[in-house]
C-alpha atoms as a PDB file:
ATOM      1  CA  MET A   1     104.742 101.615 108.960  1.00  0.00           C
ATOM      2  CA  SER A   2     105.867  98.628 110.952  1.00  0.00           C
ATOM      3  CA  SER A   3     109.480  98.098 111.734  1.00  0.00           C
ATOM      4  CA  GLU A   4     109.090  94.658 110.214  1.00  0.00           C
ATOM      5  CA  ILE A   5     109.241  96.251 106.724  1.00  0.00           C
ATOM      6  CA  ASN A   6     112.861  96.207 105.708  1.00  0.00           C
ATOM      7  CA  ILE A   7     113.395  99.128 103.475  1.00  0.00           C
ATOM      8  CA  GLU A   8     116.907  98.015 102.611  1.00  0.00           C
ATOM      9  CA  GLN A   9     115.615  94.682 101.427  1.00  0.00           C
ATOM     10  CA  ILE A  10     113.055  96.454  99.318  1.00  0.00           C
ATOM     11  CA  LYS A  11     115.760  98.552  97.710  1.00  0.00           C
ATOM     12  CA  SER A  12     117.812  95.342  97.071  1.00  0.00           C
ATOM     13  CA  ASP A  13     114.678  93.723  95.434  1.00  0.00           C
ATOM     14  CA  LEU A  14     114.143  96.744  93.229  1.00  0.00           C
ATOM     15  CA  VAL A  15     117.709  96.537  92.056  1.00  0.00           C
ATOM     16  CA  THR A  16     117.180  92.842  91.196  1.00  0.00           C
ATOM     17  CA  LEU A  17     114.046  93.803  89.288  1.00  0.00           C
ATOM     18  CA  ASP A  18     116.045  96.515  87.458  1.00  0.00           C
ATOM     19  CA  SER A  19     113.401  98.992  88.670  1.00  0.00           C
ATOM     20  CA  ASP A  20     114.021 102.670  89.151  1.00  0.00           C
ATOM     21  CA  MET A  21     111.135 102.989  91.648  1.00  0.00           C
ATOM     22  CA  SER A  22     111.854 104.025  95.208  1.00  0.00           C
ATOM     23  CA  PRO A  23     110.475 102.070  98.283  1.00  0.00           C
ATOM     24  CA  SER A  24     107.988 104.925  98.816  1.00  0.00           C
ATOM     25  CA  GLU A  25     106.757 104.743  95.228  1.00  0.00           C
ATOM     26  CA  VAL A  26     106.453 100.936  95.412  1.00  0.00           C
ATOM     27  CA  HIS A  27     104.416 101.224  98.664  1.00  0.00           C
ATOM     28  CA  GLY A  28     102.169 103.850  97.023  1.00  0.00           C
ATOM     29  CA  THR A  29     101.720 101.557  94.039  1.00  0.00           C
ATOM     30  CA  LEU A  30     100.734  98.685  96.300  1.00  0.00           C
ATOM     31  CA  CYS A  31      98.268 100.775  98.317  1.00  0.00           C
ATOM     32  CA  GLY A  32      96.676 102.156  95.119  1.00  0.00           C
ATOM     33  CA  ALA A  33      96.357  98.634  93.703  1.00  0.00           C
ATOM     34  CA  LEU A  34      94.846  97.304  96.917  1.00  0.00           C
ATOM     35  CA  CYS A  35      92.360 100.173  97.158  1.00  0.00           C
ATOM     36  CA  GLY A  36      91.339  99.567  93.512  1.00  0.00           C
ATOM     37  CA  LYS A  37      91.148  95.791  93.832  1.00  0.00           C
ATOM     38  CA  GLY A  38      90.854  94.645  97.397  1.00  0.00           C
ATOM     39  CA  ASP A  39      91.304  90.932  96.585  1.00  0.00           C
ATOM     40  CA  MET A  40      94.577  91.429  94.673  1.00  0.00           C
ATOM     41  CA  ASN A  41      97.228  88.879  95.675  1.00  0.00           C
ATOM     42  CA  ILE A  42     100.921  89.464  95.832  1.00  0.00           C
ATOM     43  CA  HIS A  43     101.791  87.647  92.601  1.00  0.00           C
ATOM     44  CA  GLU A  44      99.167  89.652  90.689  1.00  0.00           C
ATOM     45  CA  TRP A  45     100.462  92.953  92.075  1.00  0.00           C
ATOM     46  CA  LEU A  46     104.091  92.110  91.321  1.00  0.00           C
ATOM     47  CA  SER A  47     103.192  90.964  87.801  1.00  0.00           C
ATOM     48  CA  LEU A  48     101.268  94.211  87.123  1.00  0.00           C
ATOM     49  CA  ALA A  49     103.845  96.498  88.744  1.00  0.00           C
ATOM     50  CA  PHE A  50     107.038  94.968  87.427  1.00  0.00           C
ATOM     51  CA  PHE A  51     106.275  92.693  84.472  1.00  0.00           C
ATOM     52  CA  ARG A  52     103.943  94.830  82.374  1.00  0.00           C
ATOM     53  CA  GLU A  53     104.374  94.526  78.546  1.00  0.00           C
ATOM     54  CA  ASP A  54     105.943  98.010  78.468  1.00  0.00           C
ATOM     55  CA  ASN A  55     108.437  96.984  81.196  1.00  0.00           C
ATOM     56  CA  ASP A  56     111.433  95.027  79.960  1.00  0.00           C
ATOM     57  CA  ALA A  57     112.962  94.362  83.456  1.00  0.00           C
ATOM     58  CA  SER A  58     112.186  90.593  83.072  1.00  0.00           C
ATOM     59  CA  LYS A  59     114.600  90.439  80.171  1.00  0.00           C
ATOM     60  CA  ALA A  60     117.468  90.612  82.591  1.00  0.00           C
ATOM     61  CA  VAL A  61     116.798  87.114  83.956  1.00  0.00           C
ATOM     62  CA  ASN A  62     116.405  83.627  82.500  1.00  0.00           C
ATOM     63  CA  SER A  63     113.149  82.802  84.152  1.00  0.00           C
ATOM     64  CA  ARG A  64     110.506  85.394  85.018  1.00  0.00           C
ATOM     65  CA  GLU A  65     108.573  82.907  87.035  1.00  0.00           C
ATOM     66  CA  LEU A  66     111.538  81.963  89.225  1.00  0.00           C
ATOM     67  CA  LEU A  67     112.311  85.673  89.820  1.00  0.00           C
ATOM     68  CA  LEU A  68     108.688  86.359  90.566  1.00  0.00           C
ATOM     69  CA  GLY A  69     108.559  83.548  93.100  1.00  0.00           C
ATOM     70  CA  ALA A  70     111.741  84.718  94.802  1.00  0.00           C
ATOM     71  CA  ILE A  71     110.634  88.340  94.906  1.00  0.00           C
ATOM     72  CA  ALA A  72     107.186  87.363  96.151  1.00  0.00           C
ATOM     73  CA  GLU A  73     108.752  85.606  99.126  1.00  0.00           C
ATOM     74  CA  SER A  74     110.985  88.571  99.889  1.00  0.00           C
ATOM     75  CA  PHE A  75     108.022  91.088  99.526  1.00  0.00           C
ATOM     76  CA  LYS A  76     105.597  88.839 101.554  1.00  0.00           C
ATOM     77  CA  GLY A  77     106.021  90.695 104.923  1.00  0.00           C
ATOM     78  CA  PHE A  78     105.715  94.048 103.153  1.00  0.00           C
ATOM     79  CA  PHE A  79     102.594  92.945 101.395  1.00  0.00           C
ATOM     80  CA  VAL A  80     100.899  91.444 104.424  1.00  0.00           C
ATOM     81  CA  GLU A  81     101.708  94.472 106.615  1.00  0.00           C
ATOM     82  CA  THR A  82     100.224  96.791 104.032  1.00  0.00           C
ATOM     83  CA  VAL A  83      96.995  94.716 103.629  1.00  0.00           C
ATOM     84  CA  THR A  84      96.631  94.551 107.353  1.00  0.00           C
ATOM     85  CA  ALA A  85      97.022  98.279 107.839  1.00  0.00           C
ATOM     86  CA  LEU A  86      94.406  99.073 105.096  1.00  0.00           C
ATOM     87  CA  SER A  87      91.973  96.430 106.267  1.00  0.00           C
ATOM     88  CA  ASP A  88      91.394  97.261 109.898  1.00  0.00           C
ATOM     89  CA  ASN A  89      89.681 100.201 111.600  1.00  0.00           C
ATOM     90  CA  SER A  90      92.507 101.210 113.924  1.00  0.00           C
ATOM     91  CA  LEU A  91      93.803 104.050 111.709  1.00  0.00           C
ATOM     92  CA  ASN A  92      97.164 102.447 111.918  1.00  0.00           C
ATOM     93  CA  PHE A  93      97.961 103.036 108.230  1.00  0.00           C
ATOM     94  CA  TYR A  94     100.884 105.294 107.221  1.00  0.00           C
ATOM     95  CA  PRO A  95     102.541 105.848 103.834  1.00  0.00           C
ATOM     96  CA  LEU A  96     106.040 104.304 103.796  1.00  0.00           C
ATOM     97  CA  LEU A  97     108.333 107.308 103.869  1.00  0.00           C
ATOM     98  CA  PRO A  98     111.890 107.929 105.129  1.00  0.00           C
ATOM     99  CA  ASP A  99     112.006 108.782 108.853  1.00  0.00           C
ATOM    100  CA  GLU A 100     115.131 110.849 108.426  1.00  0.00           C
ATOM    101  CA  GLY A 101     116.601 113.213 105.834  1.00  0.00           C
ATOM    102  CA  SER A 102     116.174 116.756 104.767  1.00  0.00           C
ATOM    103  CA  GLU A 103     112.743 118.292 104.099  1.00  0.00           C
ATOM    104  CA  SER A 104     113.617 118.195 100.423  1.00  0.00           C
ATOM    105  CA  VAL A 105     114.284 114.427 100.512  1.00  0.00           C
ATOM    106  CA  ARG A 106     111.117 113.774 102.438  1.00  0.00           C
ATOM    107  CA  LEU A 107     109.003 115.904 100.076  1.00  0.00           C
ATOM    108  CA  THR A 108     110.442 113.974  97.121  1.00  0.00           C
ATOM    109  CA  ALA A 109     109.451 110.681  98.819  1.00  0.00           C
ATOM    110  CA  ILE A 110     105.921 112.008  99.405  1.00  0.00           C
ATOM    111  CA  ALA A 111     105.654 113.006  95.756  1.00  0.00           C
ATOM    112  CA  GLU A 112     106.866 109.534  94.770  1.00  0.00           C
ATOM    113  CA  TRP A 113     104.422 107.836  97.075  1.00  0.00           C
ATOM    114  CA  ALA A 114     101.538 109.874  95.458  1.00  0.00           C
ATOM    115  CA  GLN A 115     102.747 108.904  91.994  1.00  0.00           C
ATOM    116  CA  GLY A 116     102.796 105.293  92.943  1.00  0.00           C
ATOM    117  CA  PHE A 117      99.342 105.451  94.481  1.00  0.00           C
ATOM    118  CA  LEU A 118      97.922 106.822  91.245  1.00  0.00           C
ATOM    119  CA  MET A 119      99.725 104.167  89.235  1.00  0.00           C
ATOM    120  CA  GLY A 120      98.413 101.520  91.513  1.00  0.00           C
ATOM    121  CA  LEU A 121      94.833 102.623  91.014  1.00  0.00           C
ATOM    122  CA  SER A 122      95.366 102.463  87.279  1.00  0.00           C
ATOM    123  CA  LEU A 123      97.017  99.020  87.476  1.00  0.00           C
ATOM    124  CA  ALA A 124      93.912  97.810  89.322  1.00  0.00           C
ATOM    125  CA  GLY A 125      91.768  99.095  86.507  1.00  0.00           C
ATOM    126  CA  ILE A 126      90.453 102.254  88.199  1.00  0.00           C
ATOM    127  CA  LYS A 127      90.802 104.917  85.572  1.00  0.00           C
ATOM    128  CA  LYS A 128      87.483 106.858  85.844  1.00  0.00           C
ATOM    129  CA  PHE A 129      85.912 108.161  89.008  1.00  0.00           C
ATOM    130  CA  THR A 130      82.588 109.471  87.766  1.00  0.00           C
ATOM    131  CA  ASP A 131      80.769 106.642  89.498  1.00  0.00           C
ATOM    132  CA  TYR A 132      82.160 107.446  92.913  1.00  0.00           C
ATOM    133  CA  PRO A 133      81.375 110.213  95.370  1.00  0.00           C
ATOM    134  CA  ALA A 134      82.915 113.644  94.696  1.00  0.00           C
ATOM    135  CA  GLU A 135      85.287 113.165  97.671  1.00  0.00           C
ATOM    136  CA  VAL A 136      87.039 110.396  95.659  1.00  0.00           C
ATOM    137  CA  THR A 137      87.572 112.643  92.652  1.00  0.00           C
ATOM    138  CA  GLU A 138      88.779 115.415  94.876  1.00  0.00           C
ATOM    139  CA  PHE A 139      91.253 113.191  96.628  1.00  0.00           C
ATOM    140  CA  VAL A 140      92.591 111.780  93.366  1.00  0.00           C
ATOM    141  CA  GLU A 141      93.041 115.268  91.989  1.00  0.00           C
ATOM    142  CA  ALA A 142      94.815 116.284  95.172  1.00  0.00           C
ATOM    143  CA  MET A 143      97.173 113.299  94.898  1.00  0.00           C
ATOM    144  CA  ALA A 144      97.998 114.303  91.359  1.00  0.00           C
ATOM    145  CA  SER A 145      99.032 117.756  92.762  1.00  0.00           C
ATOM    146  CA  ILE A 146     100.981 116.136  95.644  1.00  0.00           C
ATOM    147  CA  ALA A 147     102.799 114.053  92.993  1.00  0.00           C
ATOM    148  CA  THR A 148     104.606 117.248  92.024  1.00  0.00           C
ATOM    149  CA  VAL A 149     105.126 118.483  95.606  1.00  0.00           C
ATOM    150  CA  ASP A 150     108.929 118.047  95.281  1.00  0.00           C
ATOM    151  CA  ASP A 151     108.806 121.123  93.035  1.00  0.00           C
ATOM    152  CA  TYR A 152     107.528 123.297  95.871  1.00  0.00           C
ATOM    153  CA  GLU A 153     109.798 125.953  97.264  1.00  0.00           C
ATOM    154  CA  LEU A 154     110.722 125.426 100.944  1.00  0.00           C
ATOM    155  CA  ALA A 155     110.477 128.293 103.396  1.00  0.00           C
ATOM    156  CA  GLY A 156     113.497 127.128 105.328  1.00  0.00           C
ATOM    157  CA  ASP A 157     111.740 127.318 108.721  1.00  0.00           C
ATOM    158  CA  ASP A 158     109.410 125.322 110.994  1.00  0.00           C
ATOM    159  CA  SER A 159     106.600 125.658 108.456  1.00  0.00           C
ATOM    160  CA  ASP A 160     108.347 123.128 106.215  1.00  0.00           C
ATOM    161  CA  GLU A 161     108.047 120.451 108.832  1.00  0.00           C
ATOM    162  CA  GLU A 162     104.494 121.445 109.512  1.00  0.00           C
ATOM    163  CA  GLY A 163     103.664 121.224 105.869  1.00  0.00           C
ATOM    164  CA  ILE A 164     105.211 117.720 105.570  1.00  0.00           C
ATOM    165  CA  VAL A 165     103.211 116.515 108.581  1.00  0.00           C
ATOM    166  CA  GLU A 166     100.018 117.901 106.944  1.00  0.00           C
ATOM    167  CA  PHE A 167     100.757 116.180 103.652  1.00  0.00           C
ATOM    168  CA  ILE A 168     101.287 112.852 105.384  1.00  0.00           C
ATOM    169  CA  GLU A 169      98.098 113.146 107.493  1.00  0.00           C
ATOM    170  CA  PHE A 170      96.109 114.161 104.463  1.00  0.00           C
ATOM    171  CA  ILE A 171      97.438 111.108 102.524  1.00  0.00           C
ATOM    172  CA  ARG A 172      96.921 108.782 105.423  1.00  0.00           C
ATOM    173  CA  ILE A 173      93.304 109.623 106.129  1.00  0.00           C
ATOM    174  CA  GLY A 174      92.408 110.050 102.462  1.00  0.00           C
ATOM    175  CA  VAL A 175      93.691 106.669 101.526  1.00  0.00           C
ATOM    176  CA  LEU A 176      91.789 105.050 104.368  1.00  0.00           C
ATOM    177  CA  LEU A 177      88.603 106.819 103.271  1.00  0.00           C
ATOM    178  CA  ILE A 178      89.167 105.829  99.599  1.00  0.00           C
ATOM    179  CA  ASN A 179      89.788 102.220 100.602  1.00  0.00           C
ATOM    180  CA  GLU A 180      86.623 102.223 102.668  1.00  0.00           C
ATOM    181  CA  GLU A 181      84.639 103.554  99.651  1.00  0.00           C
ATOM    182  CA  PHE A 182      86.056 100.918  97.290  1.00  0.00           C
ATOM    183  CA  ASN A 183      86.358  98.039  99.738  1.00  0.00           C
ATOM    184  CA  PRO A 184      83.907  98.473 102.692  1.00  0.00           C
ATOM    185  CA  ILE A 185      85.197  96.729 105.775  1.00  0.00           C
ATOM    186  CA  ARG A 186      83.132  95.087 108.498  1.00  0.00           C
ATOM    187  CA  VAL A 187      83.584  97.934 110.996  1.00  0.00           C
ATOM    188  CA  PRO A 188      83.742 101.423 109.400  1.00  0.00           C
ATOM    189  CA  ILE A 189      86.749 103.457 110.272  1.00  0.00           C
ATOM    190  CA  ASP A 190      86.276 106.129 112.873  1.00  0.00           C
ATOM    191  CA  VAL A 191      87.847 109.283 111.545  1.00  0.00           C
ATOM    192  CA  PRO A 192      88.425 111.890 114.316  1.00  0.00           C
ATOM    193  CA  ASP A 193      86.577 115.174 113.953  1.00  0.00           C
ATOM    194  CA  GLY A 194      88.507 117.589 111.888  1.00  0.00           C
ATOM    195  CA  ASP A 195      90.533 114.924 110.061  1.00  0.00           C
ATOM    196  CA  ASN A 196      88.002 113.825 107.462  1.00  0.00           C
ATOM    197  CA  SER A 197      88.110 116.864 105.216  1.00  0.00           C
ATOM    198  CA  MET A 198      89.679 116.325 101.855  1.00  0.00           C
ATOM    199  CA  HIS A 199      89.971 119.963 101.071  1.00  0.00           C
END
């Protein structure tokens, strides 16, 4: 993702919102919501993600609307960058994950991103996939498996890094294809040969 996205600021905003989500999970949630509802605006996403009826984070502040406005301004660059990455055909989309850390930490972030993506689809109202091509169902099922990837046992060698790279690439291309299915763009994305398999 772009260096303009300030992960530390996102962490600070999440503390303000009394949310236990990580930046990776939040990014996954945003991507899922945008795939499911391409015209979703930032206020709608924030309301769905952080002020649901089953979420009492808003009780910590006097005015939900004032907090929502302040957080929306802070999240603006993050939101715009994500919309832009999903909306063009340059394949420049990447899940927001830590650049550094142990394989275990990075696997956990991948799992959190996948969890967020599935939650984002649900927030956007996408709960059944029977009306979509089989590839959509297969990808969603794969994401459900990836959401538990932090439980996988690491080999302790180079195969761990190779596996992480494969997970990221699978998510990256899969999300772009899902978004294209749900929200066709003017110029279809050009997926390189060999990268468009969801198996």
